[in-house]
mmCIF file of all heavy atoms, coordinates in Angstrom:
data_MODEL
# 
_entry.id   MODEL 
# 
loop_
_atom_site.group_PDB 
_atom_site.id 
_atom_site.type_symbol 
_atom_site.label_atom_id 
_atom_site.label_alt_id 
_atom_site.label_comp_id 
_atom_site.label_asym_id 
_atom_site.label_entity_id 
_atom_site.label_seq_id 
_atom_site.pdbx_PDB_ins_code 
_atom_site.Cartn_x 
_atom_site.Cartn_y 
_atom_site.Cartn_z 
_atom_site.occupancy 
_atom_site.B_iso_or_equiv 
_atom_site.pdbx_formal_charge 
_atom_site.auth_seq_id 
_atom_site.auth_comp_id 
_atom_site.auth_asym_id 
_atom_site.auth_atom_id 
_atom_site.pdbx_PDB_model_num 
ATOM 1   N N   . GLU A 1 1  ? 83.170  109.009 109.439 1.00 0.00 ? 1  GLU A N   1 
ATOM 2   C CA  . GLU A 1 1  ? 82.507  110.122 108.754 1.00 0.00 ? 1  GLU A CA  1 
ATOM 3   C C   . GLU A 1 1  ? 83.499  111.257 108.451 1.00 0.00 ? 1  GLU A C   1 
ATOM 4   O O   . GLU A 1 1  ? 83.539  111.794 107.345 1.00 0.00 ? 1  GLU A O   1 
ATOM 5   C CB  . GLU A 1 1  ? 81.360  110.647 109.618 1.00 0.00 ? 1  GLU A CB  1 
ATOM 6   C CG  . GLU A 1 1  ? 80.528  111.718 108.942 1.00 0.00 ? 1  GLU A CG  1 
ATOM 7   C CD  . GLU A 1 1  ? 79.365  112.188 109.824 1.00 0.00 ? 1  GLU A CD  1 
ATOM 8   O OE1 . GLU A 1 1  ? 79.112  111.602 110.896 1.00 0.00 ? 1  GLU A OE1 1 
ATOM 9   O OE2 . GLU A 1 1  ? 78.714  113.156 109.414 1.00 0.00 ? 1  GLU A OE2 1 
ATOM 10  N N   . VAL A 1 2  ? 84.321  111.604 109.430 1.00 0.00 ? 2  VAL A N   1 
ATOM 11  C CA  . VAL A 1 2  ? 85.317  112.666 109.245 1.00 0.00 ? 2  VAL A CA  1 
ATOM 12  C C   . VAL A 1 2  ? 86.337  112.244 108.188 1.00 0.00 ? 2  VAL A C   1 
ATOM 13  O O   . VAL A 1 2  ? 86.671  113.016 107.279 1.00 0.00 ? 2  VAL A O   1 
ATOM 14  C CB  . VAL A 1 2  ? 86.012  112.997 110.587 1.00 0.00 ? 2  VAL A CB  1 
ATOM 15  C CG1 . VAL A 1 2  ? 87.233  113.890 110.378 1.00 0.00 ? 2  VAL A CG1 1 
ATOM 16  C CG2 . VAL A 1 2  ? 85.029  113.647 111.553 1.00 0.00 ? 2  VAL A CG2 1 
ATOM 17  N N   . LEU A 1 3  ? 86.833  111.010 108.293 1.00 0.00 ? 3  LEU A N   1 
ATOM 18  C CA  . LEU A 1 3  ? 87.815  110.516 107.321 1.00 0.00 ? 3  LEU A CA  1 
ATOM 19  C C   . LEU A 1 3  ? 87.246  110.472 105.910 1.00 0.00 ? 3  LEU A C   1 
ATOM 20  O O   . LEU A 1 3  ? 87.925  110.839 104.950 1.00 0.00 ? 3  LEU A O   1 
ATOM 21  C CB  . LEU A 1 3  ? 88.315  109.133 107.733 1.00 0.00 ? 3  LEU A CB  1 
ATOM 22  C CG  . LEU A 1 3  ? 89.269  109.126 108.925 1.00 0.00 ? 3  LEU A CG  1 
ATOM 23  C CD1 . LEU A 1 3  ? 89.432  107.728 109.476 1.00 0.00 ? 3  LEU A CD1 1 
ATOM 24  C CD2 . LEU A 1 3  ? 90.610  109.717 108.538 1.00 0.00 ? 3  LEU A CD2 1 
ATOM 25  N N   . SER A 1 4  ? 86.000  110.065 105.779 1.00 0.00 ? 4  SER A N   1 
ATOM 26  C CA  . SER A 1 4  ? 85.355  110.022 104.474 1.00 0.00 ? 4  SER A CA  1 
ATOM 27  C C   . SER A 1 4  ? 85.304  111.414 103.852 1.00 0.00 ? 4  SER A C   1 
ATOM 28  O O   . SER A 1 4  ? 85.567  111.591 102.660 1.00 0.00 ? 4  SER A O   1 
ATOM 29  C CB  . SER A 1 4  ? 83.945  109.438 104.603 1.00 0.00 ? 4  SER A CB  1 
ATOM 30  O OG  . SER A 1 4  ? 83.301  109.448 103.360 1.00 0.00 ? 4  SER A OG  1 
ATOM 31  N N   . GLY A 1 5  ? 85.005  112.405 104.673 1.00 0.00 ? 5  GLY A N   1 
ATOM 32  C CA  . GLY A 1 5  ? 84.948  113.778 104.176 1.00 0.00 ? 5  GLY A CA  1 
ATOM 33  C C   . GLY A 1 5  ? 86.294  114.309 103.724 1.00 0.00 ? 5  GLY A C   1 
ATOM 34  O O   . GLY A 1 5  ? 86.399  115.012 102.719 1.00 0.00 ? 5  GLY A O   1 
ATOM 35  N N   . VAL A 1 6  ? 87.334  113.972 104.448 1.00 0.00 ? 6  VAL A N   1 
ATOM 36  C CA  . VAL A 1 6  ? 88.680  114.451 104.117 1.00 0.00 ? 6  VAL A CA  1 
ATOM 37  C C   . VAL A 1 6  ? 89.253  113.679 102.929 1.00 0.00 ? 6  VAL A C   1 
ATOM 38  O O   . VAL A 1 6  ? 89.801  114.269 101.997 1.00 0.00 ? 6  VAL A O   1 
ATOM 39  C CB  . VAL A 1 6  ? 89.620  114.320 105.340 1.00 0.00 ? 6  VAL A CB  1 
ATOM 40  C CG1 . VAL A 1 6  ? 91.078  114.558 104.954 1.00 0.00 ? 6  VAL A CG1 1 
ATOM 41  C CG2 . VAL A 1 6  ? 89.202  115.275 106.438 1.00 0.00 ? 6  VAL A CG2 1 
ATOM 42  N N   . LEU A 1 7  ? 89.142  112.365 102.961 1.00 0.00 ? 7  LEU A N   1 
ATOM 43  C CA  . LEU A 1 7  ? 89.781  111.527 101.945 1.00 0.00 ? 7  LEU A CA  1 
ATOM 44  C C   . LEU A 1 7  ? 89.035  111.499 100.612 1.00 0.00 ? 7  LEU A C   1 
ATOM 45  O O   . LEU A 1 7  ? 89.621  111.177 99.586  1.00 0.00 ? 7  LEU A O   1 
ATOM 46  C CB  . LEU A 1 7  ? 89.945  110.104 102.477 1.00 0.00 ? 7  LEU A CB  1 
ATOM 47  C CG  . LEU A 1 7  ? 90.845  109.952 103.706 1.00 0.00 ? 7  LEU A CG  1 
ATOM 48  C CD1 . LEU A 1 7  ? 90.841  108.504 104.183 1.00 0.00 ? 7  LEU A CD1 1 
ATOM 49  C CD2 . LEU A 1 7  ? 92.256  110.428 103.421 1.00 0.00 ? 7  LEU A CD2 1 
ATOM 50  N N   . GLY A 1 8  ? 87.742  111.798 100.628 1.00 0.00 ? 8  GLY A N   1 
ATOM 51  C CA  . GLY A 1 8  ? 86.972  111.789 99.388  1.00 0.00 ? 8  GLY A CA  1 
ATOM 52  C C   . GLY A 1 8  ? 86.964  110.412 98.751  1.00 0.00 ? 8  GLY A C   1 
ATOM 53  O O   . GLY A 1 8  ? 86.723  109.405 99.405  1.00 0.00 ? 8  GLY A O   1 
ATOM 54  N N   . ASN A 1 9  ? 87.283  110.360 97.461  1.00 0.00 ? 9  ASN A N   1 
ATOM 55  C CA  . ASN A 1 9  ? 87.261  109.096 96.719  1.00 0.00 ? 9  ASN A CA  1 
ATOM 56  C C   . ASN A 1 9  ? 88.272  108.073 97.236  1.00 0.00 ? 9  ASN A C   1 
ATOM 57  O O   . ASN A 1 9  ? 88.094  106.877 97.056  1.00 0.00 ? 9  ASN A O   1 
ATOM 58  C CB  . ASN A 1 9  ? 87.496  109.340 95.228  1.00 0.00 ? 9  ASN A CB  1 
ATOM 59  C CG  . ASN A 1 9  ? 86.330  110.062 94.589  1.00 0.00 ? 9  ASN A CG  1 
ATOM 60  O OD1 . ASN A 1 9  ? 85.207  110.025 95.085  1.00 0.00 ? 9  ASN A OD1 1 
ATOM 61  N ND2 . ASN A 1 9  ? 86.603  110.762 93.495  1.00 0.00 ? 9  ASN A ND2 1 
ATOM 62  N N   . SER A 1 10 ? 89.332  108.541 97.880  1.00 0.00 ? 10 SER A N   1 
ATOM 63  C CA  . SER A 1 10 ? 90.344  107.601 98.382  1.00 0.00 ? 10 SER A CA  1 
ATOM 64  C C   . SER A 1 10 ? 89.907  106.911 99.674  1.00 0.00 ? 10 SER A C   1 
ATOM 65  O O   . SER A 1 10 ? 90.586  106.006 100.145 1.00 0.00 ? 10 SER A O   1 
ATOM 66  C CB  . SER A 1 10 ? 91.691  108.314 98.613  1.00 0.00 ? 10 SER A CB  1 
ATOM 67  O OG  . SER A 1 10 ? 91.589  109.225 99.679  1.00 0.00 ? 10 SER A OG  1 
ATOM 68  N N   . TYR A 1 11 ? 88.752  107.305 100.219 1.00 0.00 ? 11 TYR A N   1 
ATOM 69  C CA  . TYR A 1 11 ? 88.248  106.659 101.429 1.00 0.00 ? 11 TYR A CA  1 
ATOM 70  C C   . TYR A 1 11 ? 88.026  105.161 101.198 1.00 0.00 ? 11 TYR A C   1 
ATOM 71  O O   . TYR A 1 11 ? 88.260  104.355 102.091 1.00 0.00 ? 11 TYR A O   1 
ATOM 72  C CB  . TYR A 1 11 ? 86.957  107.336 101.905 1.00 0.00 ? 11 TYR A CB  1 
ATOM 73  C CG  . TYR A 1 11 ? 86.395  106.737 103.172 1.00 0.00 ? 11 TYR A CG  1 
ATOM 74  C CD1 . TYR A 1 11 ? 87.047  106.906 104.391 1.00 0.00 ? 11 TYR A CD1 1 
ATOM 75  C CD2 . TYR A 1 11 ? 85.223  105.992 103.150 1.00 0.00 ? 11 TYR A CD2 1 
ATOM 76  C CE1 . TYR A 1 11 ? 86.545  106.343 105.554 1.00 0.00 ? 11 TYR A CE1 1 
ATOM 77  C CE2 . TYR A 1 11 ? 84.706  105.431 104.309 1.00 0.00 ? 11 TYR A CE2 1 
ATOM 78  C CZ  . TYR A 1 11 ? 85.375  105.613 105.511 1.00 0.00 ? 11 TYR A CZ  1 
ATOM 79  O OH  . TYR A 1 11 ? 84.881  105.047 106.662 1.00 0.00 ? 11 TYR A OH  1 
ATOM 80  N N   . VAL A 1 12 ? 87.626  104.785 100.000 1.00 0.00 ? 12 VAL A N   1 
ATOM 81  C CA  . VAL A 1 12 ? 87.429  103.368 99.660  1.00 0.00 ? 12 VAL A CA  1 
ATOM 82  C C   . VAL A 1 12 ? 88.741  102.607 99.833  1.00 0.00 ? 12 VAL A C   1 
ATOM 83  O O   . VAL A 1 12 ? 88.768  101.504 100.383 1.00 0.00 ? 12 VAL A O   1 
ATOM 84  C CB  . VAL A 1 12 ? 86.892  103.219 98.211  1.00 0.00 ? 12 VAL A CB  1 
ATOM 85  C CG1 . VAL A 1 12 ? 86.835  101.768 97.781  1.00 0.00 ? 12 VAL A CG1 1 
ATOM 86  C CG2 . VAL A 1 12 ? 85.529  103.877 98.085  1.00 0.00 ? 12 VAL A CG2 1 
ATOM 87  N N   . ALA A 1 13 ? 89.842  103.205 99.385  1.00 0.00 ? 13 ALA A N   1 
ATOM 88  C CA  . ALA A 1 13 ? 91.157  102.569 99.528  1.00 0.00 ? 13 ALA A CA  1 
ATOM 89  C C   . ALA A 1 13 ? 91.545  102.484 100.995 1.00 0.00 ? 13 ALA A C   1 
ATOM 90  O O   . ALA A 1 13 ? 92.101  101.472 101.437 1.00 0.00 ? 13 ALA A O   1 
ATOM 91  C CB  . ALA A 1 13 ? 92.209  103.353 98.744  1.00 0.00 ? 13 ALA A CB  1 
ATOM 92  N N   . TYR A 1 14 ? 91.235  103.512 101.772 1.00 0.00 ? 14 TYR A N   1 
ATOM 93  C CA  . TYR A 1 14 ? 91.524  103.507 103.207 1.00 0.00 ? 14 TYR A CA  1 
ATOM 94  C C   . TYR A 1 14 ? 90.787  102.358 103.901 1.00 0.00 ? 14 TYR A C   1 
ATOM 95  O O   . TYR A 1 14 ? 91.389  101.608 104.668 1.00 0.00 ? 14 TYR A O   1 
ATOM 96  C CB  . TYR A 1 14 ? 91.142  104.862 103.824 1.00 0.00 ? 14 TYR A CB  1 
ATOM 97  C CG  . TYR A 1 14 ? 91.172  104.863 105.324 1.00 0.00 ? 14 TYR A CG  1 
ATOM 98  C CD1 . TYR A 1 14 ? 92.371  104.995 106.010 1.00 0.00 ? 14 TYR A CD1 1 
ATOM 99  C CD2 . TYR A 1 14 ? 90.001  104.716 106.067 1.00 0.00 ? 14 TYR A CD2 1 
ATOM 100 C CE1 . TYR A 1 14 ? 92.407  104.974 107.405 1.00 0.00 ? 14 TYR A CE1 1 
ATOM 101 C CE2 . TYR A 1 14 ? 90.028  104.696 107.455 1.00 0.00 ? 14 TYR A CE2 1 
ATOM 102 C CZ  . TYR A 1 14 ? 91.238  104.828 108.111 1.00 0.00 ? 14 TYR A CZ  1 
ATOM 103 O OH  . TYR A 1 14 ? 91.263  104.799 109.488 1.00 0.00 ? 14 TYR A OH  1 
ATOM 104 N N   . VAL A 1 15 ? 89.493  102.219 103.614 1.00 0.00 ? 15 VAL A N   1 
ATOM 105 C CA  . VAL A 1 15 ? 88.694  101.157 104.231 1.00 0.00 ? 15 VAL A CA  1 
ATOM 106 C C   . VAL A 1 15 ? 89.243  99.785  103.835 1.00 0.00 ? 15 VAL A C   1 
ATOM 107 O O   . VAL A 1 15 ? 89.386  98.897  104.678 1.00 0.00 ? 15 VAL A O   1 
ATOM 108 C CB  . VAL A 1 15 ? 87.196  101.297 103.862 1.00 0.00 ? 15 VAL A CB  1 
ATOM 109 C CG1 . VAL A 1 15 ? 86.403  100.075 104.294 1.00 0.00 ? 15 VAL A CG1 1 
ATOM 110 C CG2 . VAL A 1 15 ? 86.614  102.560 104.486 1.00 0.00 ? 15 VAL A CG2 1 
ATOM 111 N N   . GLN A 1 16 ? 89.570  99.616  102.560 1.00 0.00 ? 16 GLN A N   1 
ATOM 112 C CA  . GLN A 1 16 ? 90.112  98.340  102.102 1.00 0.00 ? 16 GLN A CA  1 
ATOM 113 C C   . GLN A 1 16 ? 91.426  98.030  102.822 1.00 0.00 ? 16 GLN A C   1 
ATOM 114 O O   . GLN A 1 16 ? 91.652  96.906  103.275 1.00 0.00 ? 16 GLN A O   1 
ATOM 115 C CB  . GLN A 1 16 ? 90.332  98.350  100.592 1.00 0.00 ? 16 GLN A CB  1 
ATOM 116 C CG  . GLN A 1 16 ? 90.878  97.026  100.068 1.00 0.00 ? 16 GLN A CG  1 
ATOM 117 C CD  . GLN A 1 16 ? 91.059  97.017  98.563  1.00 0.00 ? 16 GLN A CD  1 
ATOM 118 O OE1 . GLN A 1 16 ? 90.290  97.634  97.831  1.00 0.00 ? 16 GLN A OE1 1 
ATOM 119 N NE2 . GLN A 1 16 ? 92.089  96.324  98.104  1.00 0.00 ? 16 GLN A NE2 1 
ATOM 120 N N   . LEU A 1 17 ? 92.296  99.036  102.941 1.00 0.00 ? 17 LEU A N   1 
ATOM 121 C CA  . LEU A 1 17 ? 93.566  98.830  103.634 1.00 0.00 ? 17 LEU A CA  1 
ATOM 122 C C   . LEU A 1 17 ? 93.330  98.431  105.083 1.00 0.00 ? 17 LEU A C   1 
ATOM 123 O O   . LEU A 1 17 ? 93.922  97.463  105.574 1.00 0.00 ? 17 LEU A O   1 
ATOM 124 C CB  . LEU A 1 17 ? 94.424  100.100 103.571 1.00 0.00 ? 17 LEU A CB  1 
ATOM 125 C CG  . LEU A 1 17 ? 95.729  100.035 104.356 1.00 0.00 ? 17 LEU A CG  1 
ATOM 126 C CD1 . LEU A 1 17 ? 96.670  98.983  103.772 1.00 0.00 ? 17 LEU A CD1 1 
ATOM 127 C CD2 . LEU A 1 17 ? 96.403  101.394 104.409 1.00 0.00 ? 17 LEU A CD2 1 
ATOM 128 N N   . MET A 1 18 ? 92.468  99.159  105.784 1.00 0.00 ? 18 MET A N   1 
ATOM 129 C CA  . MET A 1 18 ? 92.213  98.865  107.198 1.00 0.00 ? 18 MET A CA  1 
ATOM 130 C C   . MET A 1 18 ? 91.613  97.464  107.383 1.00 0.00 ? 18 MET A C   1 
ATOM 131 O O   . MET A 1 18 ? 92.012  96.728  108.284 1.00 0.00 ? 18 MET A O   1 
ATOM 132 C CB  . MET A 1 18 ? 91.295  99.919  107.821 1.00 0.00 ? 18 MET A CB  1 
ATOM 133 C CG  . MET A 1 18 ? 91.965  101.246 108.037 1.00 0.00 ? 18 MET A CG  1 
ATOM 134 S SD  . MET A 1 18 ? 93.354  101.087 109.175 1.00 0.00 ? 18 MET A SD  1 
ATOM 135 C CE  . MET A 1 18 ? 94.413  102.379 108.620 1.00 0.00 ? 18 MET A CE  1 
ATOM 136 N N   . ASN A 1 19 ? 90.677  97.098  106.511 1.00 0.00 ? 19 ASN A N   1 
ATOM 137 C CA  . ASN A 1 19 ? 90.079  95.761  106.600 1.00 0.00 ? 19 ASN A CA  1 
ATOM 138 C C   . ASN A 1 19 ? 91.123  94.670  106.363 1.00 0.00 ? 19 ASN A C   1 
ATOM 139 O O   . ASN A 1 19 ? 91.105  93.627  107.014 1.00 0.00 ? 19 ASN A O   1 
ATOM 140 C CB  . ASN A 1 19 ? 88.931  95.608  105.608 1.00 0.00 ? 19 ASN A CB  1 
ATOM 141 C CG  . ASN A 1 19 ? 87.699  96.394  106.018 1.00 0.00 ? 19 ASN A CG  1 
ATOM 142 O OD1 . ASN A 1 19 ? 87.528  96.751  107.182 1.00 0.00 ? 19 ASN A OD1 1 
ATOM 143 N ND2 . ASN A 1 19 ? 86.843  96.686  105.058 1.00 0.00 ? 19 ASN A ND2 1 
ATOM 144 N N   . THR A 1 20 ? 92.044  94.921  105.446 1.00 0.00 ? 20 THR A N   1 
ATOM 145 C CA  . THR A 1 20 ? 93.071  93.927  105.116 1.00 0.00 ? 20 THR A CA  1 
ATOM 146 C C   . THR A 1 20 ? 94.096  93.795  106.241 1.00 0.00 ? 20 THR A C   1 
ATOM 147 O O   . THR A 1 20 ? 94.385  92.687  106.693 1.00 0.00 ? 20 THR A O   1 
ATOM 148 C CB  . THR A 1 20 ? 93.787  94.310  103.801 1.00 0.00 ? 20 THR A CB  1 
ATOM 149 O OG1 . THR A 1 20 ? 92.808  94.397  102.756 1.00 0.00 ? 20 THR A OG1 1 
ATOM 150 C CG2 . THR A 1 20 ? 94.838  93.279  103.424 1.00 0.00 ? 20 THR A CG2 1 
ATOM 151 N N   . ILE A 1 21 ? 94.630  94.909  106.712 1.00 0.00 ? 21 ILE A N   1 
ATOM 152 C CA  . ILE A 1 21 ? 95.730  94.833  107.688 1.00 0.00 ? 21 ILE A CA  1 
ATOM 153 C C   . ILE A 1 21 ? 95.268  94.397  109.076 1.00 0.00 ? 21 ILE A C   1 
ATOM 154 O O   . ILE A 1 21 ? 96.065  93.893  109.855 1.00 0.00 ? 21 ILE A O   1 
ATOM 155 C CB  . ILE A 1 21 ? 96.532  96.147  107.787 1.00 0.00 ? 21 ILE A CB  1 
ATOM 156 C CG1 . ILE A 1 21 ? 95.670  97.284  108.327 1.00 0.00 ? 21 ILE A CG1 1 
ATOM 157 C CG2 . ILE A 1 21 ? 97.185  96.477  106.453 1.00 0.00 ? 21 ILE A CG2 1 
ATOM 158 C CD1 . ILE A 1 21 ? 96.421  98.554  108.650 1.00 0.00 ? 21 ILE A CD1 1 
ATOM 159 N N   . THR A 1 22 ? 93.982  94.578  109.382 1.00 0.00 ? 22 THR A N   1 
ATOM 160 C CA  . THR A 1 22 ? 93.494  94.145  110.689 1.00 0.00 ? 22 THR A CA  1 
ATOM 161 C C   . THR A 1 22 ? 92.981  92.707  110.656 1.00 0.00 ? 22 THR A C   1 
ATOM 162 O O   . THR A 1 22 ? 92.606  92.165  111.693 1.00 0.00 ? 22 THR A O   1 
ATOM 163 C CB  . THR A 1 22 ? 92.384  95.080  111.214 1.00 0.00 ? 22 THR A CB  1 
ATOM 164 O OG1 . THR A 1 22 ? 91.312  95.125  110.268 1.00 0.00 ? 22 THR A OG1 1 
ATOM 165 C CG2 . THR A 1 22 ? 92.920  96.481  111.464 1.00 0.00 ? 22 THR A CG2 1 
ATOM 166 N N   . GLY A 1 23 ? 92.978  92.096  109.472 1.00 0.00 ? 23 GLY A N   1 
ATOM 167 C CA  . GLY A 1 23 ? 92.517  90.716  109.325 1.00 0.00 ? 23 GLY A CA  1 
ATOM 168 C C   . GLY A 1 23 ? 93.553  89.711  109.807 1.00 0.00 ? 23 GLY A C   1 
ATOM 169 O O   . GLY A 1 23 ? 94.656  90.059  110.239 1.00 0.00 ? 23 GLY A O   1 
ATOM 170 N N   . GLU A 1 24 ? 93.199  88.438  109.697 1.00 0.00 ? 24 GLU A N   1 
ATOM 171 C CA  . GLU A 1 24 ? 94.030  87.348  110.210 1.00 0.00 ? 24 GLU A CA  1 
ATOM 172 C C   . GLU A 1 24 ? 95.406  87.263  109.581 1.00 0.00 ? 24 GLU A C   1 
ATOM 173 O O   . GLU A 1 24 ? 96.361  86.845  110.227 1.00 0.00 ? 24 GLU A O   1 
ATOM 174 C CB  . GLU A 1 24 ? 93.303  86.013  110.023 1.00 0.00 ? 24 GLU A CB  1 
ATOM 175 C CG  . GLU A 1 24 ? 92.188  85.795  111.013 1.00 0.00 ? 24 GLU A CG  1 
ATOM 176 C CD  . GLU A 1 24 ? 91.580  84.406  110.887 1.00 0.00 ? 24 GLU A CD  1 
ATOM 177 O OE1 . GLU A 1 24 ? 92.305  83.468  110.515 1.00 0.00 ? 24 GLU A OE1 1 
ATOM 178 O OE2 . GLU A 1 24 ? 90.373  84.290  111.163 1.00 0.00 ? 24 GLU A OE2 1 
ATOM 179 N N   . LYS A 1 25 ? 95.543  87.660  108.326 1.00 0.00 ? 25 LYS A N   1 
ATOM 180 C CA  . LYS A 1 25 ? 96.834  87.533  107.650 1.00 0.00 ? 25 LYS A CA  1 
ATOM 181 C C   . LYS A 1 25 ? 97.880  88.489  108.229 1.00 0.00 ? 25 LYS A C   1 
ATOM 182 O O   . LYS A 1 25 ? 99.047  88.129  108.386 1.00 0.00 ? 25 LYS A O   1 
ATOM 183 C CB  . LYS A 1 25 ? 96.684  87.777  106.150 1.00 0.00 ? 25 LYS A CB  1 
ATOM 184 C CG  . LYS A 1 25 ? 97.989  87.644  105.395 1.00 0.00 ? 25 LYS A CG  1 
ATOM 185 C CD  . LYS A 1 25 ? 97.824  87.747  103.911 1.00 0.00 ? 25 LYS A CD  1 
ATOM 186 C CE  . LYS A 1 25 ? 99.164  87.589  103.203 1.00 0.00 ? 25 LYS A CE  1 
ATOM 187 N NZ  . LYS A 1 25 ? 99.056  87.731  101.773 1.00 0.00 ? 25 LYS A NZ  1 
ATOM 188 N N   . TYR A 1 26 ? 97.482  89.709  108.549 1.00 0.00 ? 26 TYR A N   1 
ATOM 189 C CA  . TYR A 1 26 ? 98.454  90.719  108.989 1.00 0.00 ? 26 TYR A CA  1 
ATOM 190 C C   . TYR A 1 26 ? 98.418  90.998  110.493 1.00 0.00 ? 26 TYR A C   1 
ATOM 191 O O   . TYR A 1 26 ? 99.438  91.316  111.086 1.00 0.00 ? 26 TYR A O   1 
ATOM 192 C CB  . TYR A 1 26 ? 98.252  92.027  108.211 1.00 0.00 ? 26 TYR A CB  1 
ATOM 193 C CG  . TYR A 1 26 ? 98.562  91.868  106.754 1.00 0.00 ? 26 TYR A CG  1 
ATOM 194 C CD1 . TYR A 1 26 ? 97.555  91.615  105.829 1.00 0.00 ? 26 TYR A CD1 1 
ATOM 195 C CD2 . TYR A 1 26 ? 99.867  91.954  106.285 1.00 0.00 ? 26 TYR A CD2 1 
ATOM 196 C CE1 . TYR A 1 26 ? 97.844  91.453  104.481 1.00 0.00 ? 26 TYR A CE1 1 
ATOM 197 C CE2 . TYR A 1 26 ? 100.171 91.783  104.950 1.00 0.00 ? 26 TYR A CE2 1 
ATOM 198 C CZ  . TYR A 1 26 ? 99.152  91.530  104.043 1.00 0.00 ? 26 TYR A CZ  1 
ATOM 199 O OH  . TYR A 1 26 ? 99.437  91.366  102.720 1.00 0.00 ? 26 TYR A OH  1 
ATOM 200 N N   . LEU A 1 27 ? 97.244  90.975  111.102 1.00 0.00 ? 27 LEU A N   1 
ATOM 201 C CA  . LEU A 1 27 ? 97.081  91.185  112.544 1.00 0.00 ? 27 LEU A CA  1 
ATOM 202 C C   . LEU A 1 27 ? 97.662  92.521  113.034 1.00 0.00 ? 27 LEU A C   1 
ATOM 203 O O   . LEU A 1 27 ? 98.231  92.599  114.120 1.00 0.00 ? 27 LEU A O   1 
ATOM 204 C CB  . LEU A 1 27 ? 97.705  90.032  113.342 1.00 0.00 ? 27 LEU A CB  1 
ATOM 205 C CG  . LEU A 1 27 ? 97.126  88.648  113.084 1.00 0.00 ? 27 LEU A CG  1 
ATOM 206 C CD1 . LEU A 1 27 ? 97.967  87.583  113.769 1.00 0.00 ? 27 LEU A CD1 1 
ATOM 207 C CD2 . LEU A 1 27 ? 95.677  88.571  113.532 1.00 0.00 ? 27 LEU A CD2 1 
ATOM 208 N N   . LEU A 1 28 ? 97.531  93.565  112.217 1.00 0.00 ? 28 LEU A N   1 
ATOM 209 C CA  . LEU A 1 28 ? 98.032  94.879  112.614 1.00 0.00 ? 28 LEU A CA  1 
ATOM 210 C C   . LEU A 1 28 ? 96.974  95.623  113.417 1.00 0.00 ? 28 LEU A C   1 
ATOM 211 O O   . LEU A 1 28 ? 95.777  95.382  113.276 1.00 0.00 ? 28 LEU A O   1 
ATOM 212 C CB  . LEU A 1 28 ? 98.437  95.700  111.392 1.00 0.00 ? 28 LEU A CB  1 
ATOM 213 C CG  . LEU A 1 28 ? 99.533  95.101  110.502 1.00 0.00 ? 28 LEU A CG  1 
ATOM 214 C CD1 . LEU A 1 28 ? 99.901  96.068  109.392 1.00 0.00 ? 28 LEU A CD1 1 
ATOM 215 C CD2 . LEU A 1 28 ? 100.760 94.709  111.301 1.00 0.00 ? 28 LEU A CD2 1 
ATOM 216 N N   . VAL A 1 29 ? 97.438  96.548  114.250 1.00 0.00 ? 29 VAL A N   1 
ATOM 217 C CA  . VAL A 1 29 ? 96.541  97.323  115.104 1.00 0.00 ? 29 VAL A CA  1 
ATOM 218 C C   . VAL A 1 29 ? 96.725  98.808  114.803 1.00 0.00 ? 29 VAL A C   1 
ATOM 219 O O   . VAL A 1 29 ? 97.780  99.378  115.114 1.00 0.00 ? 29 VAL A O   1 
ATOM 220 C CB  . VAL A 1 29 ? 96.827  97.054  116.599 1.00 0.00 ? 29 VAL A CB  1 
ATOM 221 C CG1 . VAL A 1 29 ? 95.920  97.890  117.480 1.00 0.00 ? 29 VAL A CG1 1 
ATOM 222 C CG2 . VAL A 1 29 ? 96.685  95.571  116.906 1.00 0.00 ? 29 VAL A CG2 1 
ATOM 223 N N   . PRO A 1 30 ? 95.709  99.444  114.188 1.00 0.00 ? 30 PRO A N   1 
ATOM 224 C CA  . PRO A 1 30 ? 95.791  100.887 113.943 1.00 0.00 ? 30 PRO A CA  1 
ATOM 225 C C   . PRO A 1 30 ? 95.223  101.669 115.127 1.00 0.00 ? 30 PRO A C   1 
ATOM 226 O O   . PRO A 1 30 ? 94.190  101.305 115.672 1.00 0.00 ? 30 PRO A O   1 
ATOM 227 C CB  . PRO A 1 30 ? 94.923  101.085 112.692 1.00 0.00 ? 30 PRO A CB  1 
ATOM 228 C CG  . PRO A 1 30 ? 93.954  99.952  112.716 1.00 0.00 ? 30 PRO A CG  1 
ATOM 229 C CD  . PRO A 1 30 ? 94.593  98.825  113.490 1.00 0.00 ? 30 PRO A CD  1 
# 
C-alpha cells in the first residue's frame, strides 16, 4: 500500500519486476 502510493503508475512495473525476479528463473530474494 505504501509503495503503491509513492510509486504511482510505476507500481505496476515494480510488481512485475518483483514477480519475475522471485520466480523460478531468477530465484532472487528482495
